[in-house]
Amino acid sequence: MKTCKSLLLFLGFVSASLMAATAAAAPTLTFKFTEVSVPGALATDPGGVNNSGTIVGEYEDKKNIAHCFMLADGKVTTINHPKAASDTCIHINSAGAIVGAATNSAGVPKGFLYQNGKFTDIPGPSGAAASAANGINDSGLIVGDYADSSGVYHGFLLKGRTYKTLDVPGAGFTMATGINNTGDIVLFWIKSAAVESSLYNGKTYRTINVPGAANSEALDINNAGDIVYDTFDSSGQSQGALFHSGKYYTFDYPKSADTGGFGINDHKLLVGFYETTNNGPDRGFKAAY
């Protein structure tokens, strides 16, 4: 999951002095962390959490193959796409509908919807070379990204069978990552060698970068407008961030080398990953705030 949703950590630079000043002025918020893991897995990356507290994500088995998982009431269920070499679950809505991406033997991902035990392909608009479904709201609206024939990535909104392409003006790459029940969409994108984030309300794109971060990846939004991020400093070090009640907060899993936030629900619960050492195996967590 970290690899899928955080592709661009090496891009963008900001001065260390600016980052230190911003961090010192940042407000504080208490985060209560609990580890989330799949028994026997080499790595675990939670991607989304719904209002029932059900978590979905990706784990890596002992053969380094990625699989979807769902964690509900303490029970882990593996969800394998029947035609995939590997797969990842990224988000789940209140009805238990799951979206993600299944990768074939050639390494090409295709988005999917998994609902009532059935997989439905989310291939992107006509002509798309690859795709991923990254978010779904309770009305069944799906957001994600697709690669065109030139290898350029665009965001999309899928309503029924109709795709709407989402491109942040001036961006060379756009990825739509989350949608809430009012239709607000979060995206991240590249411009001038930096990763930035936007909020799209159906008409306009508003930049929502985390203050002081060299790179901001907005990855999910809840119905209150809280937004969870994976951010990076100029050296590529990652840190989680949360926009809540008009303020930005940063968070790190205790004694971790890297931390990132991926999903959020309406009950002040978010999920993400951490590493105990740089480039170590990903471990999952949930955090109440």
C-alpha atoms as a PDB file:
ATOM      1  CA  MET A   1       0.000   0.000   0.000  1.00  0.00           C
ATOM      2  CA  LYS A   2       2.738   2.462   0.839  1.00  0.00           C
ATOM      3  CA  THR A   3       4.211   1.816  -2.598  1.00  0.00           C
ATOM      4  CA  CYS A   4       0.858   2.154  -4.378  1.00  0.00           C
ATOM      5  CA  LYS A   5      -0.408   5.323  -2.744  1.00  0.00           C
ATOM      6  CA  SER A   6       2.892   7.064  -1.983  1.00  0.00           C
ATOM      7  CA  LEU A   7       4.797   6.859  -5.248  1.00  0.00           C
ATOM      8  CA  LEU A   8       6.537  10.197  -5.200  1.00  0.00           C
ATOM      9  CA  LEU A   9       8.363  10.695  -1.906  1.00  0.00           C
ATOM     10  CA  PHE A  10      11.589  11.711  -3.607  1.00  0.00           C
ATOM     11  CA  LEU A  11      10.113  14.784  -5.303  1.00  0.00           C
ATOM     12  CA  GLY A  12      10.216  18.343  -4.018  1.00  0.00           C
ATOM     13  CA  PHE A  13      12.438  20.251  -1.609  1.00  0.00           C
ATOM     14  CA  VAL A  14      11.924  22.722   1.212  1.00  0.00           C
ATOM     15  CA  SER A  15      14.430  24.266   3.572  1.00  0.00           C
ATOM     16  CA  ALA A  16      15.039  22.557   6.916  1.00  0.00           C
ATOM     17  CA  SER A  17      14.752  25.874   8.737  1.00  0.00           C
ATOM     18  CA  LEU A  18      11.266  26.502   7.368  1.00  0.00           C
ATOM     19  CA  MET A  19      10.131  23.002   8.354  1.00  0.00           C
ATOM     20  CA  ALA A  20      11.520  23.339  11.875  1.00  0.00           C
ATOM     21  CA  ALA A  21       9.770  26.666  12.404  1.00  0.00           C
ATOM     22  CA  THR A  22       6.455  25.281  11.166  1.00  0.00           C
ATOM     23  CA  ALA A  23       6.700  22.171  13.319  1.00  0.00           C
ATOM     24  CA  ALA A  24       7.458  24.215  16.422  1.00  0.00           C
ATOM     25  CA  ALA A  25       4.316  26.307  15.889  1.00  0.00           C
ATOM     26  CA  ALA A  26       2.074  23.322  15.117  1.00  0.00           C
ATOM     27  CA  PRO A  27      -0.867  22.656  17.483  1.00  0.00           C
ATOM     28  CA  THR A  28      -1.005  19.439  19.485  1.00  0.00           C
ATOM     29  CA  LEU A  29      -3.591  16.658  19.420  1.00  0.00           C
ATOM     30  CA  THR A  30      -3.519  13.318  21.217  1.00  0.00           C
ATOM     31  CA  PHE A  31      -3.356  10.177  19.072  1.00  0.00           C
ATOM     32  CA  LYS A  32      -3.894   6.766  20.688  1.00  0.00           C
ATOM     33  CA  PHE A  33      -2.198   4.094  18.578  1.00  0.00           C
ATOM     34  CA  THR A  34      -2.954   0.363  18.310  1.00  0.00           C
ATOM     35  CA  GLU A  35      -0.974  -1.970  16.055  1.00  0.00           C
ATOM     36  CA  VAL A  36      -2.807  -3.712  13.206  1.00  0.00           C
ATOM     37  CA  SER A  37      -1.205  -6.834  11.741  1.00  0.00           C
ATOM     38  CA  VAL A  38      -2.058  -9.901   9.682  1.00  0.00           C
ATOM     39  CA  PRO A  39      -0.739 -13.037  11.426  1.00  0.00           C
ATOM     40  CA  GLY A  40       2.274 -14.487   9.609  1.00  0.00           C
ATOM     41  CA  ALA A  41       2.578 -11.585   7.169  1.00  0.00           C
ATOM     42  CA  LEU A  42       5.932 -10.023   6.315  1.00  0.00           C
ATOM     43  CA  ALA A  43       4.287  -6.599   6.045  1.00  0.00           C
ATOM     44  CA  THR A  44       0.864  -5.083   6.704  1.00  0.00           C
ATOM     45  CA  ASP A  45      -0.556  -1.864   5.263  1.00  0.00           C
ATOM     46  CA  PRO A  46      -4.090  -0.846   6.283  1.00  0.00           C
ATOM     47  CA  GLY A  47      -5.662   1.318   3.590  1.00  0.00           C
ATOM     48  CA  GLY A  48      -9.148   2.258   4.767  1.00  0.00           C
ATOM     49  CA  VAL A  49     -11.570   2.032   7.684  1.00  0.00           C
ATOM     50  CA  ASN A  50     -15.356   2.419   7.674  1.00  0.00           C
ATOM     51  CA  ASN A  51     -17.705   3.639  10.384  1.00  0.00           C
ATOM     52  CA  SER A  52     -18.125   0.125  11.781  1.00  0.00           C
ATOM     53  CA  GLY A  53     -14.382  -0.007  12.379  1.00  0.00           C
ATOM     54  CA  THR A  54     -13.786  -2.600   9.646  1.00  0.00           C
ATOM     55  CA  ILE A  55     -10.315  -2.170   8.177  1.00  0.00           C
ATOM     56  CA  VAL A  56      -9.128  -3.164   4.708  1.00  0.00           C
ATOM     57  CA  GLY A  57      -5.644  -3.125   3.258  1.00  0.00           C
ATOM     58  CA  GLU A  58      -2.789  -5.155   1.871  1.00  0.00           C
ATOM     59  CA  TYR A  59      -0.430  -7.671   3.392  1.00  0.00           C
ATOM     60  CA  GLU A  60       2.670  -9.353   2.024  1.00  0.00           C
ATOM     61  CA  ASP A  61       3.005 -13.101   2.436  1.00  0.00           C
ATOM     62  CA  LYS A  62       6.228 -15.096   2.921  1.00  0.00           C
ATOM     63  CA  LYS A  63       6.674 -15.280  -0.864  1.00  0.00           C
ATOM     64  CA  ASN A  64       6.509 -11.463  -1.076  1.00  0.00           C
ATOM     65  CA  ILE A  65       3.119 -11.589  -2.804  1.00  0.00           C
ATOM     66  CA  ALA A  66       0.585  -8.901  -1.898  1.00  0.00           C
ATOM     67  CA  HIS A  67      -2.970  -9.837  -0.930  1.00  0.00           C
ATOM     68  CA  CYS A  68      -6.078  -7.935   0.133  1.00  0.00           C
ATOM     69  CA  PHE A  69      -7.289  -8.336   3.681  1.00  0.00           C
ATOM     70  CA  MET A  70     -10.318  -7.298   5.710  1.00  0.00           C
ATOM     71  CA  LEU A  71     -10.183  -7.047   9.506  1.00  0.00           C
ATOM     72  CA  ALA A  72     -13.573  -7.078  11.233  1.00  0.00           C
ATOM     73  CA  ASP A  73     -14.316  -7.869  14.879  1.00  0.00           C
ATOM     74  CA  GLY A  74     -10.777  -9.160  15.345  1.00  0.00           C
ATOM     75  CA  LYS A  75     -11.008 -11.612  12.422  1.00  0.00           C
ATOM     76  CA  VAL A  76      -8.777 -11.312   9.353  1.00  0.00           C
ATOM     77  CA  THR A  77     -10.188 -12.421   5.998  1.00  0.00           C
ATOM     78  CA  THR A  78      -8.026 -12.684   2.880  1.00  0.00           C
ATOM     79  CA  ILE A  79      -9.671 -11.435  -0.315  1.00  0.00           C
ATOM     80  CA  ASN A  80      -7.953 -12.591  -3.505  1.00  0.00           C
ATOM     81  CA  HIS A  81      -9.005 -11.438  -6.954  1.00  0.00           C
ATOM     82  CA  PRO A  82      -9.326 -14.666  -8.995  1.00  0.00           C
ATOM     83  CA  LYS A  83      -7.417 -13.324 -12.005  1.00  0.00           C
ATOM     84  CA  ALA A  84      -4.697 -11.348 -10.204  1.00  0.00           C
ATOM     85  CA  ALA A  85      -1.063 -12.113  -9.477  1.00  0.00           C
ATOM     86  CA  SER A  86      -1.349  -9.731  -6.505  1.00  0.00           C
ATOM     87  CA  ASP A  87      -3.931  -7.294  -5.200  1.00  0.00           C
ATOM     88  CA  THR A  88      -4.555  -4.523  -2.718  1.00  0.00           C
ATOM     89  CA  CYS A  89      -7.713  -3.290  -0.984  1.00  0.00           C
ATOM     90  CA  ILE A  90      -7.685   0.466  -0.509  1.00  0.00           C
ATOM     91  CA  HIS A  91     -11.035   1.636   0.864  1.00  0.00           C
ATOM     92  CA  ILE A  92     -14.347   0.359   2.301  1.00  0.00           C
ATOM     93  CA  ASN A  93     -17.666   2.172   2.704  1.00  0.00           C
ATOM     94  CA  SER A  94     -20.406   1.758   5.326  1.00  0.00           C
ATOM     95  CA  ALA A  95     -22.158  -0.960   3.297  1.00  0.00           C
ATOM     96  CA  GLY A  96     -18.954  -3.031   3.131  1.00  0.00           C
ATOM     97  CA  ALA A  97     -18.204  -2.286  -0.533  1.00  0.00           C
ATOM     98  CA  ILE A  98     -14.437  -2.449  -1.082  1.00  0.00           C
ATOM     99  CA  VAL A  99     -12.349  -0.866  -3.825  1.00  0.00           C
ATOM    100  CA  GLY A 100      -8.757  -1.510  -4.775  1.00  0.00           C
ATOM    101  CA  ALA A 101      -6.483  -2.709  -7.549  1.00  0.00           C
ATOM    102  CA  ALA A 102      -5.563  -6.128  -8.913  1.00  0.00           C
ATOM    103  CA  THR A 103      -2.222  -6.557 -10.705  1.00  0.00           C
ATOM    104  CA  ASN A 104      -1.785  -9.135 -13.465  1.00  0.00           C
ATOM    105  CA  SER A 105       1.288 -11.250 -14.205  1.00  0.00           C
ATOM    106  CA  ALA A 106       2.655  -8.484 -16.443  1.00  0.00           C
ATOM    107  CA  GLY A 107       2.584  -6.023 -13.537  1.00  0.00           C
ATOM    108  CA  VAL A 108      -0.342  -3.965 -14.826  1.00  0.00           C
ATOM    109  CA  PRO A 109      -2.937  -2.895 -12.207  1.00  0.00           C
ATOM    110  CA  LYS A 110      -6.671  -2.655 -12.816  1.00  0.00           C
ATOM    111  CA  GLY A 111      -9.154  -1.206 -10.362  1.00  0.00           C
ATOM    112  CA  PHE A 112     -11.947  -3.277  -8.876  1.00  0.00           C
ATOM    113  CA  LEU A 113     -15.068  -3.121  -6.742  1.00  0.00           C
ATOM    114  CA  TYR A 114     -15.663  -6.065  -4.379  1.00  0.00           C
ATOM    115  CA  GLN A 115     -19.205  -6.295  -3.043  1.00  0.00           C
ATOM    116  CA  ASN A 116     -21.364  -9.191  -1.847  1.00  0.00           C
ATOM    117  CA  GLY A 117     -18.587 -11.632  -2.700  1.00  0.00           C
ATOM    118  CA  LYS A 118     -18.323 -10.463  -6.325  1.00  0.00           C
ATOM    119  CA  PHE A 119     -15.535  -8.596  -8.128  1.00  0.00           C
ATOM    120  CA  THR A 120     -16.368  -5.957 -10.747  1.00  0.00           C
ATOM    121  CA  ASP A 121     -13.596  -4.440 -12.850  1.00  0.00           C
ATOM    122  CA  ILE A 122     -12.996  -0.675 -12.686  1.00  0.00           C
ATOM    123  CA  PRO A 123     -10.746  -0.305 -15.740  1.00  0.00           C
ATOM    124  CA  GLY A 124     -10.923   3.469 -16.129  1.00  0.00           C
ATOM    125  CA  PRO A 125     -12.201   5.378 -19.176  1.00  0.00           C
ATOM    126  CA  SER A 126     -11.932   3.929 -22.672  1.00  0.00           C
ATOM    127  CA  GLY A 127      -8.289   3.642 -23.702  1.00  0.00           C
ATOM    128  CA  ALA A 128      -6.880   3.487 -20.169  1.00  0.00           C
ATOM    129  CA  ALA A 129      -3.717   1.394 -19.911  1.00  0.00           C
ATOM    130  CA  ALA A 130      -3.890   0.855 -16.133  1.00  0.00           C
ATOM    131  CA  SER A 131      -6.124   1.895 -13.256  1.00  0.00           C
ATOM    132  CA  ALA A 132      -6.774   1.793  -9.512  1.00  0.00           C
ATOM    133  CA  ALA A 133      -9.942   2.448  -7.503  1.00  0.00           C
ATOM    134  CA  ASN A 134      -8.924   4.381  -4.381  1.00  0.00           C
ATOM    135  CA  GLY A 135     -12.094   5.543  -2.640  1.00  0.00           C
ATOM    136  CA  ILE A 136     -15.835   4.864  -2.434  1.00  0.00           C
ATOM    137  CA  ASN A 137     -18.552   6.735  -0.550  1.00  0.00           C
ATOM    138  CA  ASP A 138     -21.849   5.448   0.813  1.00  0.00           C
ATOM    139  CA  SER A 139     -23.670   6.366  -2.418  1.00  0.00           C
ATOM    140  CA  GLY A 140     -21.307   4.155  -4.397  1.00  0.00           C
ATOM    141  CA  LEU A 141     -19.396   6.974  -6.087  1.00  0.00           C
ATOM    142  CA  ILE A 142     -15.845   5.794  -6.775  1.00  0.00           C
ATOM    143  CA  VAL A 143     -12.657   7.793  -7.261  1.00  0.00           C
ATOM    144  CA  GLY A 144      -9.304   6.590  -8.490  1.00  0.00           C
ATOM    145  CA  ASP A 145      -6.662   7.061 -11.129  1.00  0.00           C
ATOM    146  CA  TYR A 146      -5.784   5.730 -14.567  1.00  0.00           C
ATOM    147  CA  ALA A 147      -2.850   5.854 -16.949  1.00  0.00           C
ATOM    148  CA  ASP A 148      -3.510   6.955 -20.515  1.00  0.00           C
ATOM    149  CA  SER A 149      -1.753   5.545 -23.586  1.00  0.00           C
ATOM    150  CA  SER A 150       1.151   7.940 -23.021  1.00  0.00           C
ATOM    151  CA  GLY A 151       1.648   6.810 -19.433  1.00  0.00           C
ATOM    152  CA  VAL A 152       0.254  10.022 -17.927  1.00  0.00           C
ATOM    153  CA  TYR A 153      -1.884   9.525 -14.810  1.00  0.00           C
ATOM    154  CA  HIS A 154      -5.262  11.209 -14.337  1.00  0.00           C
ATOM    155  CA  GLY A 155      -7.797  11.083 -11.548  1.00  0.00           C
ATOM    156  CA  PHE A 156     -11.337   9.908 -12.157  1.00  0.00           C
ATOM    157  CA  LEU A 157     -14.801   9.957 -10.644  1.00  0.00           C
ATOM    158  CA  LEU A 158     -17.044   7.014 -11.513  1.00  0.00           C
ATOM    159  CA  LYS A 159     -20.814   7.424 -11.158  1.00  0.00           C
ATOM    160  CA  GLY A 160     -22.697   4.358 -12.339  1.00  0.00           C
ATOM    161  CA  ARG A 161     -20.939   3.574 -15.605  1.00  0.00           C
ATOM    162  CA  THR A 162     -19.865   7.132 -16.384  1.00  0.00           C
ATOM    163  CA  TYR A 163     -16.297   8.316 -15.825  1.00  0.00           C
ATOM    164  CA  LYS A 164     -15.311  11.920 -15.272  1.00  0.00           C
ATOM    165  CA  THR A 165     -11.619  12.701 -15.634  1.00  0.00           C
ATOM    166  CA  LEU A 166     -10.139  14.809 -12.830  1.00  0.00           C
ATOM    167  CA  ASP A 167      -7.011  16.821 -13.632  1.00  0.00           C
ATOM    168  CA  VAL A 168      -5.771  19.557 -11.319  1.00  0.00           C
ATOM    169  CA  PRO A 169      -5.047  22.573 -13.564  1.00  0.00           C
ATOM    170  CA  GLY A 170      -1.350  22.820 -14.373  1.00  0.00           C
ATOM    171  CA  ALA A 171      -0.510  19.382 -12.951  1.00  0.00           C
ATOM    172  CA  GLY A 172       1.421  16.786 -14.898  1.00  0.00           C
ATOM    173  CA  PHE A 173      -0.005  13.920 -12.844  1.00  0.00           C
ATOM    174  CA  THR A 174      -3.233  13.679 -10.818  1.00  0.00           C
ATOM    175  CA  MET A 175      -4.445  10.914  -8.497  1.00  0.00           C
ATOM    176  CA  ALA A 176      -7.901  11.028  -6.835  1.00  0.00           C
ATOM    177  CA  THR A 177      -7.716   9.230  -3.497  1.00  0.00           C
ATOM    178  CA  GLY A 178     -10.820   9.793  -1.372  1.00  0.00           C
ATOM    179  CA  ILE A 179     -14.453  10.931  -1.527  1.00  0.00           C
ATOM    180  CA  ASN A 180     -16.979  11.651   1.227  1.00  0.00           C
ATOM    181  CA  ASN A 181     -20.775  11.529   1.194  1.00  0.00           C
ATOM    182  CA  THR A 182     -21.136  15.167   0.144  1.00  0.00           C
ATOM    183  CA  GLY A 183     -18.973  14.463  -2.910  1.00  0.00           C
ATOM    184  CA  ASP A 184     -15.860  16.305  -1.766  1.00  0.00           C
ATOM    185  CA  ILE A 185     -12.798  14.649  -3.308  1.00  0.00           C
ATOM    186  CA  VAL A 186      -9.167  14.752  -2.208  1.00  0.00           C
ATOM    187  CA  LEU A 187      -6.377  14.397  -4.745  1.00  0.00           C
ATOM    188  CA  PHE A 188      -2.611  14.664  -4.956  1.00  0.00           C
ATOM    189  CA  TRP A 189      -0.641  15.775  -7.968  1.00  0.00           C
ATOM    190  CA  ILE A 190       2.765  16.865  -9.305  1.00  0.00           C
ATOM    191  CA  LYS A 191       3.779  20.368 -10.228  1.00  0.00           C
ATOM    192  CA  SER A 192       7.311  21.765 -10.430  1.00  0.00           C
ATOM    193  CA  ALA A 193       8.845  18.545  -9.047  1.00  0.00           C
ATOM    194  CA  ALA A 194       6.767  18.595  -5.832  1.00  0.00           C
ATOM    195  CA  VAL A 195       3.782  16.574  -4.701  1.00  0.00           C
ATOM    196  CA  GLU A 196       0.844  18.749  -3.678  1.00  0.00           C
ATOM    197  CA  SER A 197      -2.760  18.106  -2.663  1.00  0.00           C
ATOM    198  CA  SER A 198      -6.144  19.549  -3.547  1.00  0.00           C
ATOM    199  CA  LEU A 199      -9.771  19.410  -2.462  1.00  0.00           C
ATOM    200  CA  TYR A 200     -12.300  19.269  -5.310  1.00  0.00           C
ATOM    201  CA  ASN A 201     -15.923  20.227  -4.600  1.00  0.00           C
ATOM    202  CA  GLY A 202     -17.277  19.381  -8.035  1.00  0.00           C
ATOM    203  CA  LYS A 203     -16.459  22.797  -9.455  1.00  0.00           C
ATOM    204  CA  THR A 204     -13.097  24.047  -8.223  1.00  0.00           C
ATOM    205  CA  TYR A 205      -9.777  22.663  -6.969  1.00  0.00           C
ATOM    206  CA  ARG A 206      -8.394  24.190  -3.764  1.00  0.00           C
ATOM    207  CA  THR A 207      -4.807  23.501  -2.690  1.00  0.00           C
ATOM    208  CA  ILE A 208      -4.611  21.851   0.755  1.00  0.00           C
ATOM    209  CA  ASN A 209      -0.913  21.231   1.395  1.00  0.00           C
ATOM    210  CA  VAL A 210       0.282  20.471   4.923  1.00  0.00           C
ATOM    211  CA  PRO A 211       2.259  23.516   6.152  1.00  0.00           C
ATOM    212  CA  GLY A 212       6.003  22.856   6.215  1.00  0.00           C
ATOM    213  CA  ALA A 213       5.893  19.554   4.321  1.00  0.00           C
ATOM    214  CA  ALA A 214       7.981  19.235   1.179  1.00  0.00           C
ATOM    215  CA  ASN A 215       5.421  16.827  -0.277  1.00  0.00           C
ATOM    216  CA  SER A 216       1.781  16.433   0.785  1.00  0.00           C
ATOM    217  CA  GLU A 217      -0.337  13.445  -0.253  1.00  0.00           C
ATOM    218  CA  ALA A 218      -3.987  13.779   0.842  1.00  0.00           C
ATOM    219  CA  LEU A 219      -5.279  10.210   0.925  1.00  0.00           C
ATOM    220  CA  ASP A 220      -8.754  10.213   2.491  1.00  0.00           C
ATOM    221  CA  ILE A 221     -11.530  12.510   3.725  1.00  0.00           C
ATOM    222  CA  ASN A 222     -14.429  11.868   6.094  1.00  0.00           C
ATOM    223  CA  ASN A 223     -17.888  13.438   6.223  1.00  0.00           C
ATOM    224  CA  ALA A 224     -16.766  16.114   8.706  1.00  0.00           C
ATOM    225  CA  GLY A 225     -14.060  17.234   6.277  1.00  0.00           C
ATOM    226  CA  ASP A 226     -11.175  15.714   8.256  1.00  0.00           C
ATOM    227  CA  ILE A 227      -8.354  14.752   5.885  1.00  0.00           C
ATOM    228  CA  VAL A 228      -5.540  12.275   6.487  1.00  0.00           C
ATOM    229  CA  TYR A 229      -2.153  12.633   4.768  1.00  0.00           C
ATOM    230  CA  ASP A 230       1.133  10.947   4.105  1.00  0.00           C
ATOM    231  CA  THR A 231       3.790  13.689   3.999  1.00  0.00           C
ATOM    232  CA  PHE A 232       7.520  13.783   3.284  1.00  0.00           C
ATOM    233  CA  ASP A 233      10.344  16.112   4.158  1.00  0.00           C
ATOM    234  CA  SER A 234      13.169  17.045   1.775  1.00  0.00           C
ATOM    235  CA  SER A 235      15.149  13.922   2.711  1.00  0.00           C
ATOM    236  CA  GLY A 236      12.230  11.568   1.985  1.00  0.00           C
ATOM    237  CA  GLN A 237      11.313  10.959   5.637  1.00  0.00           C
ATOM    238  CA  SER A 238       7.577  10.343   5.972  1.00  0.00           C
ATOM    239  CA  GLN A 239       5.187  11.586   8.652  1.00  0.00           C
ATOM    240  CA  GLY A 240       1.428  11.331   9.059  1.00  0.00           C
ATOM    241  CA  ALA A 241      -0.726  14.447   9.113  1.00  0.00           C
ATOM    242  CA  LEU A 242      -4.350  15.223   9.873  1.00  0.00           C
ATOM    243  CA  PHE A 243      -6.522  18.208   9.016  1.00  0.00           C
ATOM    244  CA  HIS A 244      -9.160  18.483  11.744  1.00  0.00           C
ATOM    245  CA  SER A 245     -11.429  21.364  12.792  1.00  0.00           C
ATOM    246  CA  GLY A 246      -9.532  23.865  10.670  1.00  0.00           C
ATOM    247  CA  LYS A 247      -6.042  22.924  11.884  1.00  0.00           C
ATOM    248  CA  TYR A 248      -3.227  20.661  10.719  1.00  0.00           C
ATOM    249  CA  TYR A 249      -1.682  18.125  13.088  1.00  0.00           C
ATOM    250  CA  THR A 250       1.275  15.810  12.517  1.00  0.00           C
ATOM    251  CA  PHE A 251       1.658  12.364  14.071  1.00  0.00           C
ATOM    252  CA  ASP A 252       4.214   9.574  14.343  1.00  0.00           C
ATOM    253  CA  TYR A 253       3.772   6.033  15.585  1.00  0.00           C
ATOM    254  CA  PRO A 254       5.854   5.724  18.800  1.00  0.00           C
ATOM    255  CA  LYS A 255       9.547   4.963  18.187  1.00  0.00           C
ATOM    256  CA  SER A 256       9.034   4.702  14.430  1.00  0.00           C
ATOM    257  CA  ALA A 257      11.376   5.774  11.644  1.00  0.00           C
ATOM    258  CA  ASP A 258       8.535   6.534   9.192  1.00  0.00           C
ATOM    259  CA  THR A 259       4.792   6.991   9.606  1.00  0.00           C
ATOM    260  CA  GLY A 260       1.983   7.640   7.132  1.00  0.00           C
ATOM    261  CA  GLY A 261      -1.795   7.997   7.304  1.00  0.00           C
ATOM    262  CA  PHE A 262      -4.007   6.301   4.703  1.00  0.00           C
ATOM    263  CA  GLY A 263      -7.674   6.109   5.749  1.00  0.00           C
ATOM    264  CA  ILE A 264     -10.144   7.802   8.097  1.00  0.00           C
ATOM    265  CA  ASN A 265     -13.738   7.307   9.271  1.00  0.00           C
ATOM    266  CA  ASP A 266     -16.357   9.541  10.923  1.00  0.00           C
ATOM    267  CA  HIS A 267     -15.594   8.386  14.473  1.00  0.00           C
ATOM    268  CA  LYS A 268     -12.155   9.974  14.822  1.00  0.00           C
ATOM    269  CA  LEU A 269     -10.315   6.820  13.823  1.00  0.00           C
ATOM    270  CA  LEU A 270      -7.572   6.712  11.206  1.00  0.00           C
ATOM    271  CA  VAL A 271      -5.349   3.947   9.859  1.00  0.00           C
ATOM    272  CA  GLY A 272      -1.891   3.895   8.345  1.00  0.00           C
ATOM    273  CA  PHE A 273       1.568   2.356   8.337  1.00  0.00           C
ATOM    274  CA  TYR A 274       4.828   2.745  10.222  1.00  0.00           C
ATOM    275  CA  GLU A 275       8.378   1.424   9.935  1.00  0.00           C
ATOM    276  CA  THR A 276      10.686   0.781  12.869  1.00  0.00           C
ATOM    277  CA  THR A 277      13.735   1.306  10.632  1.00  0.00           C
ATOM    278  CA  ASN A 278      14.152   3.220   7.401  1.00  0.00           C
ATOM    279  CA  ASN A 279      13.064   1.033   4.464  1.00  0.00           C
ATOM    280  CA  GLY A 280      12.033  -1.697   6.907  1.00  0.00           C
ATOM    281  CA  PRO A 281       8.877  -3.768   6.466  1.00  0.00           C
ATOM    282  CA  ASP A 282       5.636  -1.824   6.764  1.00  0.00           C
ATOM    283  CA  ARG A 283       3.551  -2.378   9.882  1.00  0.00           C
ATOM    284  CA  GLY A 284      -0.031  -1.251  10.322  1.00  0.00           C
ATOM    285  CA  PHE A 285      -1.811   0.801  12.962  1.00  0.00           C
ATOM    286  CA  LYS A 286      -5.096   2.398  13.850  1.00  0.00           C
ATOM    287  CA  ALA A 287      -5.179   5.612  15.842  1.00  0.00           C
ATOM    288  CA  ALA A 288      -7.986   7.337  17.717  1.00  0.00           C
ATOM    289  CA  TYR A 289      -7.763  11.129  17.998  1.00  0.00           C
END
